[in-house]
C-alpha atoms as a PDB file:
ATOM      1  CA  UNK A   1     109.312  99.574  86.210  1.00  0.00           C
ATOM      2  CA  UNK A   2     109.160  99.992  89.988  1.00  0.00           C
ATOM      3  CA  UNK A   3     112.289 101.267  91.715  1.00  0.00           C
ATOM      4  CA  UNK A   4     114.537 101.199  88.578  1.00  0.00           C
ATOM      5  CA  UNK A   5     116.227 104.331  87.309  1.00  0.00           C
ATOM      6  CA  UNK A   6     116.441 105.147  83.532  1.00  0.00           C
ATOM      7  CA  UNK A   7     120.198 104.407  83.677  1.00  0.00           C
ATOM      8  CA  UNK A   8     119.713 100.971  85.166  1.00  0.00           C
ATOM      9  CA  UNK A   9     116.858 100.315  82.775  1.00  0.00           C
ATOM     10  CA  UNK A  10     119.213 100.978  79.847  1.00  0.00           C
ATOM     11  CA  UNK A  11     121.796  98.645  81.396  1.00  0.00           C
ATOM     12  CA  UNK A  12     119.113  95.947  81.852  1.00  0.00           C
ATOM     13  CA  UNK A  13     118.311  96.212  78.169  1.00  0.00           C
ATOM     14  CA  UNK A  14     121.931  95.758  77.245  1.00  0.00           C
ATOM     15  CA  UNK A  15     122.242  92.761  79.534  1.00  0.00           C
ATOM     16  CA  UNK A  16     119.082  91.276  78.071  1.00  0.00           C
ATOM     17  CA  UNK A  17     120.742  91.164  74.641  1.00  0.00           C
ATOM     18  CA  UNK A  18     123.775  89.405  76.065  1.00  0.00           C
ATOM     19  CA  UNK A  19     121.528  86.993  77.959  1.00  0.00           C
ATOM     20  CA  UNK A  20     119.676  86.056  74.819  1.00  0.00           C
ATOM     21  CA  UNK A  21     122.964  85.291  73.144  1.00  0.00           C
ATOM     22  CA  UNK A  22     124.046  83.101  76.103  1.00  0.00           C
ATOM     23  CA  UNK A  23     120.767  81.161  75.809  1.00  0.00           C
ATOM     24  CA  UNK A  24     121.275  80.671  72.158  1.00  0.00           C
ATOM     25  CA  UNK A  25     124.819  79.351  72.645  1.00  0.00           C
ATOM     26  CA  UNK A  26     123.976  77.466  75.885  1.00  0.00           C
ATOM     27  CA  UNK A  27     127.633  76.722  76.581  1.00  0.00           C
ATOM     28  CA  UNK A  28     127.959  74.249  79.486  1.00  0.00           C
ATOM     29  CA  UNK A  29     130.105  75.863  82.173  1.00  0.00           C
ATOM     30  CA  UNK A  30     129.103  74.011  85.344  1.00  0.00           C
ATOM     31  CA  UNK A  31     127.854  70.501  85.971  1.00  0.00           C
ATOM     32  CA  UNK A  32     126.348  69.513  89.318  1.00  0.00           C
ATOM     33  CA  UNK A  33     126.548  65.803  90.124  1.00  0.00           C
ATOM     34  CA  UNK A  34     124.073  64.658  92.790  1.00  0.00           C
ATOM     35  CA  UNK A  35     126.343  61.772  93.715  1.00  0.00           C
ATOM     36  CA  UNK A  36     124.482  60.703  96.873  1.00  0.00           C
ATOM     37  CA  UNK A  37     121.202  61.306  98.641  1.00  0.00           C
ATOM     38  CA  UNK A  38     122.797  60.402 102.030  1.00  0.00           C
ATOM     39  CA  UNK A  39     123.437  63.172 104.560  1.00  0.00           C
ATOM     40  CA  UNK A  40     124.482  63.119 108.190  1.00  0.00           C
ATOM     41  CA  UNK A  41     122.203  66.014 109.052  1.00  0.00           C
ATOM     42  CA  UNK A  42     118.455  66.610 108.909  1.00  0.00           C
ATOM     43  CA  UNK A  43     118.172  70.286 108.118  1.00  0.00           C
ATOM     44  CA  UNK A  44     114.842  72.059 108.584  1.00  0.00           C
ATOM     45  CA  UNK A  45     115.242  73.892 105.269  1.00  0.00           C
ATOM     46  CA  UNK A  46     116.281  70.841 103.194  1.00  0.00           C
ATOM     47  CA  UNK A  47     114.482  70.926  99.805  1.00  0.00           C
ATOM     48  CA  UNK A  48     115.203  67.258  98.956  1.00  0.00           C
ATOM     49  CA  UNK A  49     114.521  65.296 102.165  1.00  0.00           C
ATOM     50  CA  UNK A  50     118.046  63.901 102.246  1.00  0.00           C
ATOM     51  CA  UNK A  51     118.720  61.502 105.117  1.00  0.00           C
ATOM     52  CA  UNK A  52     121.212  58.956 106.418  1.00  0.00           C
ATOM     53  CA  UNK A  53     119.521  55.998 104.757  1.00  0.00           C
ATOM     54  CA  UNK A  54     117.729  57.304 101.613  1.00  0.00           C
ATOM     55  CA  UNK A  55     115.757  55.218  99.169  1.00  0.00           C
ATOM     56  CA  UNK A  56     118.299  55.634  96.391  1.00  0.00           C
ATOM     57  CA  UNK A  57     121.807  54.245  96.427  1.00  0.00           C
ATOM     58  CA  UNK A  58     124.832  56.336  95.497  1.00  0.00           C
ATOM     59  CA  UNK A  59     125.372  56.747  91.764  1.00  0.00           C
ATOM     60  CA  UNK A  60     128.308  54.558  90.667  1.00  0.00           C
ATOM     61  CA  UNK A  61     131.303  56.618  89.584  1.00  0.00           C
ATOM     62  CA  UNK A  62     131.524  54.681  86.339  1.00  0.00           C
ATOM     63  CA  UNK A  63     128.056  55.918  85.351  1.00  0.00           C
ATOM     64  CA  UNK A  64     129.148  59.546  85.926  1.00  0.00           C
ATOM     65  CA  UNK A  65     132.437  59.054  84.103  1.00  0.00           C
ATOM     66  CA  UNK A  66     130.488  57.930  81.034  1.00  0.00           C
ATOM     67  CA  UNK A  67     128.671  61.282  81.183  1.00  0.00           C
ATOM     68  CA  UNK A  68     131.986  63.171  81.404  1.00  0.00           C
ATOM     69  CA  UNK A  69     133.386  61.229  78.436  1.00  0.00           C
ATOM     70  CA  UNK A  70     130.299  62.171  76.456  1.00  0.00           C
ATOM     71  CA  UNK A  71     130.702  65.820  77.376  1.00  0.00           C
ATOM     72  CA  UNK A  72     134.391  65.793  76.526  1.00  0.00           C
ATOM     73  CA  UNK A  73     133.618  64.802  72.909  1.00  0.00           C
ATOM     74  CA  UNK A  74     132.282  68.292  72.123  1.00  0.00           C
ATOM     75  CA  UNK A  75     133.254  70.501  75.059  1.00  0.00           C
ATOM     76  CA  UNK A  76     136.665  71.540  76.419  1.00  0.00           C
ATOM     77  CA  UNK A  77     136.823  69.655  79.739  1.00  0.00           C
ATOM     78  CA  UNK A  78     138.836  72.341  81.662  1.00  0.00           C
ATOM     79  CA  UNK A  79     136.063  74.834  80.920  1.00  0.00           C
ATOM     80  CA  UNK A  80     133.392  72.722  82.683  1.00  0.00           C
ATOM     81  CA  UNK A  81     133.497  72.855  86.542  1.00  0.00           C
ATOM     82  CA  UNK A  82     132.108  69.714  88.125  1.00  0.00           C
ATOM     83  CA  UNK A  83     130.560  70.115  91.554  1.00  0.00           C
ATOM     84  CA  UNK A  84     129.750  67.086  93.661  1.00  0.00           C
ATOM     85  CA  UNK A  85     126.593  67.647  95.678  1.00  0.00           C
ATOM     86  CA  UNK A  86     123.957  65.564  97.406  1.00  0.00           C
ATOM     87  CA  UNK A  87     123.058  64.879 100.193  1.00  0.00           C
ATOM     88  CA  UNK A  88     126.636  65.371 101.315  1.00  0.00           C
ATOM     89  CA  UNK A  89     129.373  63.990  99.026  1.00  0.00           C
ATOM     90  CA  UNK A  90     131.595  63.330 102.084  1.00  0.00           C
ATOM     91  CA  UNK A  91     129.223  60.539 103.049  1.00  0.00           C
ATOM     92  CA  UNK A  92     130.715  58.540 100.144  1.00  0.00           C
ATOM     93  CA  UNK A  93     133.649  56.352 101.166  1.00  0.00           C
ATOM     94  CA  UNK A  94     134.992  56.677  97.609  1.00  0.00           C
ATOM     95  CA  UNK A  95     134.735  60.431  97.449  1.00  0.00           C
ATOM     96  CA  UNK A  96     138.476  60.856  96.965  1.00  0.00           C
ATOM     97  CA  UNK A  97     138.516  58.255  94.166  1.00  0.00           C
ATOM     98  CA  UNK A  98     135.554  59.952  92.520  1.00  0.00           C
ATOM     99  CA  UNK A  99     137.410  63.274  92.575  1.00  0.00           C
ATOM    100  CA  UNK A 100     140.597  61.615  91.205  1.00  0.00           C
ATOM    101  CA  UNK A 101     138.755  60.083  88.269  1.00  0.00           C
ATOM    102  CA  UNK A 102     136.947  63.384  87.480  1.00  0.00           C
ATOM    103  CA  UNK A 103     140.306  65.168  87.498  1.00  0.00           C
ATOM    104  CA  UNK A 104     141.975  62.495  85.404  1.00  0.00           C
ATOM    105  CA  UNK A 105     139.411  63.190  82.655  1.00  0.00           C
ATOM    106  CA  UNK A 106     140.471  66.811  82.573  1.00  0.00           C
ATOM    107  CA  UNK A 107     137.629  68.422  84.533  1.00  0.00           C
ATOM    108  CA  UNK A 108     138.150  70.820  87.389  1.00  0.00           C
ATOM    109  CA  UNK A 109     136.013  69.857  90.360  1.00  0.00           C
ATOM    110  CA  UNK A 110     134.744  70.813  93.814  1.00  0.00           C
ATOM    111  CA  UNK A 111     132.236  69.864  96.484  1.00  0.00           C
ATOM    112  CA  UNK A 112     129.261  71.311  98.245  1.00  0.00           C
ATOM    113  CA  UNK A 113     129.187  70.065 101.819  1.00  0.00           C
ATOM    114  CA  UNK A 114     127.984  70.854 105.344  1.00  0.00           C
ATOM    115  CA  UNK A 115     131.630  70.417 106.433  1.00  0.00           C
ATOM    116  CA  UNK A 116     130.900  68.158 109.384  1.00  0.00           C
ATOM    117  CA  UNK A 117     132.942  65.243 108.099  1.00  0.00           C
ATOM    118  CA  UNK A 118     135.840  67.220 106.625  1.00  0.00           C
ATOM    119  CA  UNK A 119     139.046  66.413 108.515  1.00  0.00           C
ATOM    120  CA  UNK A 120     142.556  67.664 107.819  1.00  0.00           C
ATOM    121  CA  UNK A 121     143.515  64.218 106.491  1.00  0.00           C
ATOM    122  CA  UNK A 122     140.525  64.057 104.158  1.00  0.00           C
ATOM    123  CA  UNK A 123     141.103  67.626 102.909  1.00  0.00           C
ATOM    124  CA  UNK A 124     144.724  66.792 102.010  1.00  0.00           C
ATOM    125  CA  UNK A 125     143.543  63.691 100.133  1.00  0.00           C
ATOM    126  CA  UNK A 126     140.806  65.592  98.265  1.00  0.00           C
ATOM    127  CA  UNK A 127     143.269  68.334  97.218  1.00  0.00           C
ATOM    128  CA  UNK A 128     145.764  65.700  96.032  1.00  0.00           C
ATOM    129  CA  UNK A 129     142.924  64.317  93.921  1.00  0.00           C
ATOM    130  CA  UNK A 130     142.502  67.696  92.246  1.00  0.00           C
ATOM    131  CA  UNK A 131     139.797  69.459  94.273  1.00  0.00           C
ATOM    132  CA  UNK A 132     139.881  73.226  93.721  1.00  0.00           C
ATOM    133  CA  UNK A 133     136.571  74.455  95.116  1.00  0.00           C
ATOM    134  CA  UNK A 134     134.575  73.991  98.323  1.00  0.00           C
ATOM    135  CA  UNK A 135     131.143  75.303  99.208  1.00  0.00           C
ATOM    136  CA  UNK A 136     130.345  75.018 102.918  1.00  0.00           C
ATOM    137  CA  UNK A 137     127.122  76.163 104.641  1.00  0.00           C
ATOM    138  CA  UNK A 138     127.174  78.189 107.852  1.00  0.00           C
ATOM    139  CA  UNK A 139     123.687  79.191 108.901  1.00  0.00           C
ATOM    140  CA  UNK A 140     124.419  81.403 111.869  1.00  0.00           C
ATOM    141  CA  UNK A 141     126.379  81.253 115.089  1.00  0.00           C
ATOM    142  CA  UNK A 142     126.269  78.149 117.311  1.00  0.00           C
ATOM    143  CA  UNK A 143     122.626  78.145 118.445  1.00  0.00           C
ATOM    144  CA  UNK A 144     121.091  79.215 115.138  1.00  0.00           C
ATOM    145  CA  UNK A 145     123.248  76.996 112.977  1.00  0.00           C
ATOM    146  CA  UNK A 146     122.747  73.863 115.112  1.00  0.00           C
ATOM    147  CA  UNK A 147     118.974  74.501 115.379  1.00  0.00           C
ATOM    148  CA  UNK A 148     118.619  74.657 111.592  1.00  0.00           C
ATOM    149  CA  UNK A 149     120.827  71.590 111.099  1.00  0.00           C
ATOM    150  CA  UNK A 150     119.279  69.588 113.915  1.00  0.00           C
ATOM    151  CA  UNK A 151     122.724  68.682 115.281  1.00  0.00           C
ATOM    152  CA  UNK A 152     124.335  69.941 118.471  1.00  0.00           C
ATOM    153  CA  UNK A 153     127.915  69.344 117.278  1.00  0.00           C
ATOM    154  CA  UNK A 154     127.627  70.668 113.729  1.00  0.00           C
ATOM    155  CA  UNK A 155     128.643  74.290 114.340  1.00  0.00           C
ATOM    156  CA  UNK A 156     131.972  73.493 115.902  1.00  0.00           C
ATOM    157  CA  UNK A 157     132.914  71.047 113.167  1.00  0.00           C
ATOM    158  CA  UNK A 158     131.693  73.264 110.344  1.00  0.00           C
ATOM    159  CA  UNK A 159     133.549  76.259 111.730  1.00  0.00           C
ATOM    160  CA  UNK A 160     136.776  74.241 111.874  1.00  0.00           C
ATOM    161  CA  UNK A 161     136.221  72.938 108.376  1.00  0.00           C
ATOM    162  CA  UNK A 162     135.781  76.520 106.991  1.00  0.00           C
ATOM    163  CA  UNK A 163     138.945  77.624 108.770  1.00  0.00           C
ATOM    164  CA  UNK A 164     140.967  74.756 107.294  1.00  0.00           C
ATOM    165  CA  UNK A 165     139.720  75.345 103.758  1.00  0.00           C
ATOM    166  CA  UNK A 166     140.310  79.082 103.942  1.00  0.00           C
ATOM    167  CA  UNK A 167     143.951  78.518 104.984  1.00  0.00           C
ATOM    168  CA  UNK A 168     144.594  76.595 101.756  1.00  0.00           C
ATOM    169  CA  UNK A 169     145.780  79.015  99.066  1.00  0.00           C
ATOM    170  CA  UNK A 170     145.040  76.545  96.289  1.00  0.00           C
ATOM    171  CA  UNK A 171     141.372  76.327  97.192  1.00  0.00           C
ATOM    172  CA  UNK A 172     138.486  78.572  96.495  1.00  0.00           C
ATOM    173  CA  UNK A 173     136.208  78.567  99.534  1.00  0.00           C
ATOM    174  CA  UNK A 174     132.643  79.821  99.403  1.00  0.00           C
ATOM    175  CA  UNK A 175     130.360  79.952 102.450  1.00  0.00           C
ATOM    176  CA  UNK A 176     126.605  79.905 102.043  1.00  0.00           C
ATOM    177  CA  UNK A 177     124.151  81.146 104.689  1.00  0.00           C
ATOM    178  CA  UNK A 178     120.399  80.657 104.769  1.00  0.00           C
ATOM    179  CA  UNK A 179     119.000  83.770 106.365  1.00  0.00           C
ATOM    180  CA  UNK A 180     115.832  83.032 108.412  1.00  0.00           C
ATOM    181  CA  UNK A 181     113.961  84.354 111.419  1.00  0.00           C
ATOM    182  CA  UNK A 182     116.379  83.044 114.071  1.00  0.00           C
ATOM    183  CA  UNK A 183     119.603  84.282 112.644  1.00  0.00           C
ATOM    184  CA  UNK A 184     118.301  87.506 111.021  1.00  0.00           C
ATOM    185  CA  UNK A 185     118.984  89.734 114.020  1.00  0.00           C
ATOM    186  CA  UNK A 186     122.577  88.447 114.358  1.00  0.00           C
ATOM    187  CA  UNK A 187     123.914  89.038 110.828  1.00  0.00           C
ATOM    188  CA  UNK A 188     126.468  91.567 112.043  1.00  0.00           C
ATOM    189  CA  UNK A 189     127.845  89.078 114.522  1.00  0.00           C
ATOM    190  CA  UNK A 190     127.899  86.366 111.825  1.00  0.00           C
ATOM    191  CA  UNK A 191     129.669  88.733 109.471  1.00  0.00           C
ATOM    192  CA  UNK A 192     132.367  89.247 112.165  1.00  0.00           C
ATOM    193  CA  UNK A 193     132.761  85.500 112.388  1.00  0.00           C
ATOM    194  CA  UNK A 194     132.989  85.149 108.603  1.00  0.00           C
ATOM    195  CA  UNK A 195     135.832  87.674 108.535  1.00  0.00           C
ATOM    196  CA  UNK A 196     137.545  85.899 111.491  1.00  0.00           C
ATOM    197  CA  UNK A 197     137.465  82.557 109.674  1.00  0.00           C
ATOM    198  CA  UNK A 198     139.106  84.168 106.626  1.00  0.00           C
ATOM    199  CA  UNK A 199     136.142  83.741 104.269  1.00  0.00           C
ATOM    200  CA  UNK A 200     136.370  85.764 101.037  1.00  0.00           C
ATOM    201  CA  UNK A 201     133.162  84.675  99.249  1.00  0.00           C
ATOM    202  CA  UNK A 202     129.873  84.655 101.132  1.00  0.00           C
ATOM    203  CA  UNK A 203     126.542  83.705  99.565  1.00  0.00           C
ATOM    204  CA  UNK A 204     123.437  84.744 101.506  1.00  0.00           C
ATOM    205  CA  UNK A 205     120.064  83.354 100.429  1.00  0.00           C
ATOM    206  CA  UNK A 206     116.559  82.954 101.683  1.00  0.00           C
ATOM    207  CA  UNK A 207     114.354  79.854 101.888  1.00  0.00           C
ATOM    208  CA  UNK A 208     111.550  79.199  99.513  1.00  0.00           C
ATOM    209  CA  UNK A 209     108.462  77.080 100.277  1.00  0.00           C
ATOM    210  CA  UNK A 210     109.689  73.635  99.138  1.00  0.00           C
ATOM    211  CA  UNK A 211     110.533  70.308 100.841  1.00  0.00           C
ATOM    212  CA  UNK A 212     110.836  70.602 104.598  1.00  0.00           C
ATOM    213  CA  UNK A 213     110.679  74.402 104.372  1.00  0.00           C
ATOM    214  CA  UNK A 214     107.284  74.395 102.704  1.00  0.00           C
ATOM    215  CA  UNK A 215     105.180  74.830 105.854  1.00  0.00           C
ATOM    216  CA  UNK A 216     107.769  76.323 108.240  1.00  0.00           C
ATOM    217  CA  UNK A 217     106.998  80.038 108.503  1.00  0.00           C
ATOM    218  CA  UNK A 218     109.982  80.497 110.865  1.00  0.00           C
ATOM    219  CA  UNK A 219     112.269  79.985 107.872  1.00  0.00           C
ATOM    220  CA  UNK A 220     110.684  82.805 105.820  1.00  0.00           C
ATOM    221  CA  UNK A 221     111.571  86.494 106.074  1.00  0.00           C
ATOM    222  CA  UNK A 222     108.873  89.107 105.779  1.00  0.00           C
ATOM    223  CA  UNK A 223     109.063  91.913 103.181  1.00  0.00           C
ATOM    224  CA  UNK A 224     110.556  94.389 105.651  1.00  0.00           C
ATOM    225  CA  UNK A 225     113.265  91.904 106.720  1.00  0.00           C
ATOM    226  CA  UNK A 226     113.991  91.087 103.081  1.00  0.00           C
ATOM    227  CA  UNK A 227     114.684  94.735 102.372  1.00  0.00           C
ATOM    228  CA  UNK A 228     116.933  94.935 105.465  1.00  0.00           C
ATOM    229  CA  UNK A 229     118.822  91.892 104.261  1.00  0.00           C
ATOM    230  CA  UNK A 230     119.425  93.550 100.859  1.00  0.00           C
ATOM    231  CA  UNK A 231     120.727  96.682 102.630  1.00  0.00           C
ATOM    232  CA  UNK A 232     122.971  94.566 104.814  1.00  0.00           C
ATOM    233  CA  UNK A 233     124.498  92.917 101.695  1.00  0.00           C
ATOM    234  CA  UNK A 234     124.999  96.324 100.116  1.00  0.00           C
ATOM    235  CA  UNK A 235     126.794  97.524 103.226  1.00  0.00           C
ATOM    236  CA  UNK A 236     129.093  94.471 103.339  1.00  0.00           C
ATOM    237  CA  UNK A 237     129.952  94.771  99.664  1.00  0.00           C
ATOM    238  CA  UNK A 238     130.830  98.458 100.037  1.00  0.00           C
ATOM    239  CA  UNK A 239     133.316  97.595 102.802  1.00  0.00           C
ATOM    240  CA  UNK A 240     135.138  95.341 100.341  1.00  0.00           C
ATOM    241  CA  UNK A 241     136.521  92.861 102.904  1.00  0.00           C
ATOM    242  CA  UNK A 242     134.195  89.962 101.981  1.00  0.00           C
ATOM    243  CA  UNK A 243     132.616  89.365  98.562  1.00  0.00           C
ATOM    244  CA  UNK A 244     129.062  89.014  99.838  1.00  0.00           C
ATOM    245  CA  UNK A 245     126.215  88.463  97.414  1.00  0.00           C
ATOM    246  CA  UNK A 246     122.578  87.401  97.337  1.00  0.00           C
ATOM    247  CA  UNK A 247     121.700  84.009  95.849  1.00  0.00           C
ATOM    248  CA  UNK A 248     119.658  83.264  92.742  1.00  0.00           C
ATOM    249  CA  UNK A 249     116.205  83.777  94.265  1.00  0.00           C
ATOM    250  CA  UNK A 250     115.055  86.012  91.459  1.00  0.00           C
ATOM    251  CA  UNK A 251     115.152  89.548  90.069  1.00  0.00           C
ATOM    252  CA  UNK A 252     115.349  92.290  92.721  1.00  0.00           C
ATOM    253  CA  UNK A 253     114.552  95.601  90.863  1.00  0.00           C
ATOM    254  CA  UNK A 254     116.449  98.526  92.401  1.00  0.00           C
ATOM    255  CA  UNK A 255     118.864  96.154  94.221  1.00  0.00           C
ATOM    256  CA  UNK A 256     120.121  94.683  90.926  1.00  0.00           C
ATOM    257  CA  UNK A 257     123.932  95.190  90.584  1.00  0.00           C
ATOM    258  CA  UNK A 258     123.993  96.206  94.288  1.00  0.00           C
ATOM    259  CA  UNK A 259     123.784  92.760  95.864  1.00  0.00           C
ATOM    260  CA  UNK A 260     125.423  90.816  93.092  1.00  0.00           C
ATOM    261  CA  UNK A 261     128.289  91.436  90.725  1.00  0.00           C
ATOM    262  CA  UNK A 262     125.937  91.582  87.774  1.00  0.00           C
ATOM    263  CA  UNK A 263     122.232  91.402  86.928  1.00  0.00           C
ATOM    264  CA  UNK A 264     120.029  88.483  87.894  1.00  0.00           C
ATOM    265  CA  UNK A 265     120.023  85.535  85.547  1.00  0.00           C
ATOM    266  CA  UNK A 266     118.869  81.959  85.896  1.00  0.00           C
ATOM    267  CA  UNK A 267     121.771  79.859  84.662  1.00  0.00           C
ATOM    268  CA  UNK A 268     119.856  76.581  84.924  1.00  0.00           C
ATOM    269  CA  UNK A 269     119.718  74.852  81.528  1.00  0.00           C
ATOM    270  CA  UNK A 270     121.678  77.721  79.948  1.00  0.00           C
ATOM    271  CA  UNK A 271     125.185  77.304  81.372  1.00  0.00           C
ATOM    272  CA  UNK A 272     124.519  75.095  84.378  1.00  0.00           C
ATOM    273  CA  UNK A 273     123.440  71.457  84.061  1.00  0.00           C
ATOM    274  CA  UNK A 274     122.925  68.690  86.532  1.00  0.00           C
ATOM    275  CA  UNK A 275     122.861  64.909  86.736  1.00  0.00           C
ATOM    276  CA  UNK A 276     120.568  63.735  89.538  1.00  0.00           C
ATOM    277  CA  UNK A 277     121.113  60.531  91.485  1.00  0.00           C
ATOM    278  CA  UNK A 278     118.287  58.786  89.689  1.00  0.00           C
ATOM    279  CA  UNK A 279     119.937  59.506  86.322  1.00  0.00           C
ATOM    280  CA  UNK A 280     117.780  62.484  85.445  1.00  0.00           C
ATOM    281  CA  UNK A 281     119.371  65.250  83.363  1.00  0.00           C
ATOM    282  CA  UNK A 282     118.212  68.710  84.412  1.00  0.00           C
ATOM    283  CA  UNK A 283     119.283  72.310  85.022  1.00  0.00           C
ATOM    284  CA  UNK A 284     120.131  72.403  88.707  1.00  0.00           C
ATOM    285  CA  UNK A 285     119.689  69.994  91.610  1.00  0.00           C
ATOM    286  CA  UNK A 286     117.105  72.240  93.306  1.00  0.00           C
ATOM    287  CA  UNK A 287     114.615  72.083  90.428  1.00  0.00           C
ATOM    288  CA  UNK A 288     111.648  69.716  90.661  1.00  0.00           C
ATOM    289  CA  UNK A 289     111.947  66.339  88.939  1.00  0.00           C
ATOM    290  CA  UNK A 290     109.072  67.229  86.626  1.00  0.00           C
ATOM    291  CA  UNK A 291     111.442  69.451  84.673  1.00  0.00           C
ATOM    292  CA  UNK A 292     113.979  66.735  83.945  1.00  0.00           C
ATOM    293  CA  UNK A 293     114.831  66.666  80.228  1.00  0.00           C
ATOM    294  CA  UNK A 294     116.143  63.084  79.921  1.00  0.00           C
ATOM    295  CA  UNK A 295     117.804  60.285  81.787  1.00  0.00           C
ATOM    296  CA  UNK A 296     121.049  58.397  81.417  1.00  0.00           C
ATOM    297  CA  UNK A 297     119.291  55.268  82.680  1.00  0.00           C
ATOM    298  CA  UNK A 298     116.851  55.457  79.857  1.00  0.00           C
ATOM    299  CA  UNK A 299     119.565  55.527  77.185  1.00  0.00           C
ATOM    300  CA  UNK A 300     119.958  59.311  76.801  1.00  0.00           C
ATOM    301  CA  UNK A 301     123.374  60.829  76.249  1.00  0.00           C
ATOM    302  CA  UNK A 302     123.945  64.000  78.221  1.00  0.00           C
ATOM    303  CA  UNK A 303     125.058  66.277  75.430  1.00  0.00           C
ATOM    304  CA  UNK A 304     122.307  65.159  73.061  1.00  0.00           C
ATOM    305  CA  UNK A 305     119.807  66.225  75.753  1.00  0.00           C
ATOM    306  CA  UNK A 306     121.724  69.403  76.556  1.00  0.00           C
ATOM    307  CA  UNK A 307     121.776  70.559  72.915  1.00  0.00           C
ATOM    308  CA  UNK A 308     118.324  69.391  71.815  1.00  0.00           C
ATOM    309  CA  UNK A 309     116.068  69.718  74.808  1.00  0.00           C
ATOM    310  CA  UNK A 310     115.740  72.225  77.681  1.00  0.00           C
ATOM    311  CA  UNK A 311     113.129  74.391  75.912  1.00  0.00           C
ATOM    312  CA  UNK A 312     111.364  74.871  79.281  1.00  0.00           C
ATOM    313  CA  UNK A 313     114.554  76.462  80.591  1.00  0.00           C
ATOM    314  CA  UNK A 314     115.509  78.521  77.539  1.00  0.00           C
ATOM    315  CA  UNK A 315     112.121  79.621  76.218  1.00  0.00           C
ATOM    316  CA  UNK A 316     110.383  81.202  79.148  1.00  0.00           C
ATOM    317  CA  UNK A 317     107.126  82.361  77.539  1.00  0.00           C
ATOM    318  CA  UNK A 318     105.263  79.598  79.355  1.00  0.00           C
ATOM    319  CA  UNK A 319     106.001  81.376  82.611  1.00  0.00           C
ATOM    320  CA  UNK A 320     104.158  84.550  81.608  1.00  0.00           C
ATOM    321  CA  UNK A 321     101.134  83.617  83.679  1.00  0.00           C
ATOM    322  CA  UNK A 322      99.728  84.175  87.175  1.00  0.00           C
ATOM    323  CA  UNK A 323     101.559  86.954  89.007  1.00  0.00           C
ATOM    324  CA  UNK A 324     103.952  87.333  86.071  1.00  0.00           C
ATOM    325  CA  UNK A 325     101.264  88.145  83.531  1.00  0.00           C
ATOM    326  CA  UNK A 326     101.241  91.879  83.932  1.00  0.00           C
ATOM    327  CA  UNK A 327     104.637  92.391  85.513  1.00  0.00           C
ATOM    328  CA  UNK A 328     106.798  94.947  83.719  1.00  0.00           C
ATOM    329  CA  UNK A 329     109.943  93.238  84.944  1.00  0.00           C
ATOM    330  CA  UNK A 330     109.159  89.980  83.262  1.00  0.00           C
ATOM    331  CA  UNK A 331     111.394  90.444  80.270  1.00  0.00           C
ATOM    332  CA  UNK A 332     114.419  90.939  82.593  1.00  0.00           C
ATOM    333  CA  UNK A 333     113.414  88.374  85.184  1.00  0.00           C
ATOM    334  CA  UNK A 334     112.190  85.782  82.673  1.00  0.00           C
ATOM    335  CA  UNK A 335     109.754  84.310  85.204  1.00  0.00           C
ATOM    336  CA  UNK A 336     112.239  83.950  88.060  1.00  0.00           C
ATOM    337  CA  UNK A 337     114.527  80.979  88.861  1.00  0.00           C
ATOM    338  CA  UNK A 338     113.396  77.578  87.684  1.00  0.00           C
ATOM    339  CA  UNK A 339     113.846  76.247  91.200  1.00  0.00           C
ATOM    340  CA  UNK A 340     111.069  78.597  92.340  1.00  0.00           C
ATOM    341  CA  UNK A 341     108.537  76.947  90.045  1.00  0.00           C
ATOM    342  CA  UNK A 342     106.226  74.253  91.477  1.00  0.00           C
ATOM    343  CA  UNK A 343     105.424  71.084  89.518  1.00  0.00           C
ATOM    344  CA  UNK A 344     102.289  72.697  88.217  1.00  0.00           C
ATOM    345  CA  UNK A 345     104.293  75.633  86.897  1.00  0.00           C
ATOM    346  CA  UNK A 346     103.098  78.168  89.424  1.00  0.00           C
ATOM    347  CA  UNK A 347     105.649  80.585  90.948  1.00  0.00           C
ATOM    348  CA  UNK A 348     106.109  79.706  94.623  1.00  0.00           C
ATOM    349  CA  UNK A 349     107.695  83.043  95.620  1.00  0.00           C
ATOM    350  CA  UNK A 350     108.620  86.400  94.009  1.00  0.00           C
ATOM    351  CA  UNK A 351     111.142  88.574  95.774  1.00  0.00           C
ATOM    352  CA  UNK A 352     110.654  91.485  93.322  1.00  0.00           C
ATOM    353  CA  UNK A 353     107.010  91.574  94.230  1.00  0.00           C
ATOM    354  CA  UNK A 354     107.858  91.454  97.918  1.00  0.00           C
ATOM    355  CA  UNK A 355     110.429  94.247  97.609  1.00  0.00           C
ATOM    356  CA  UNK A 356     108.051  96.354  95.438  1.00  0.00           C
ATOM    357  CA  UNK A 357     104.546  95.646  96.689  1.00  0.00           C
ATOM    358  CA  UNK A 358     101.738  96.524  94.272  1.00  0.00           C
END
């Protein structure tokens, strides 16, 4: 296999055995709740076309609590992290009450937000309601971040939100950054800002051709830039000040275990599940609706679907087509992340192939 030493090949084989066991057990560890499609931004890399006035209304909290009650019948609630996502959960006026009810049912919970609406008062209320985790996106310094978000005021408010959250010892704060053409040359400066804000966990990821990002070449890195990004993450990790890591955009060959804590693995449908705003039950919110495995609004119970469906997520032989057909890394990669598959099943992007050209 290209770029992989015999020692790493052996480690990959060992990890594959563990991965197969995790698939067999498919223990639910994280549940994403797409609680709203509303968002106060219009980001150029949005994969879901969220907007201020979407077609779908917010999902009632009672509908989601029914799902949690169903999960709690067979799973240990404290072992399942609930993450409110969207859209932006802070667009909901009842977001504090939603968190309080999730917590009262025994589930730890957090939010994924752009941070623009997060005030000190709201943060205090959310923590009192049991919030323990916050993911905030920061896509560059002022010009680059605001350009991608389409909002001139976003950077200042997001920066302050990150600072507030990082000051709270009882919260785990994770910052995510989409690396694209306009912020690529300023990663060192962004890293300095990340340290200044007190961030300990930093997720860097790259766009894939979906949603608004499908036809915007400015959002895509070329192969040379992708390798430079990997080397940058390796450098940051070696310094040990910030836990930087690359997102789940697939198997990376020689960079495996260098840009993440472990080997690549798609958790969707294996340990991560999602409830979408339309009631669909799926693996993660970024996966196309075609791959939904059931719906709570069609009478399906979440755990029945989780335990008896999801073959498309757990049995990946169907992905062994196209560019994957003759790839020697397929058994480790398992066809890449489910969110990188188009509705017709084709792979939209392969970073392993880009890092190791044929």
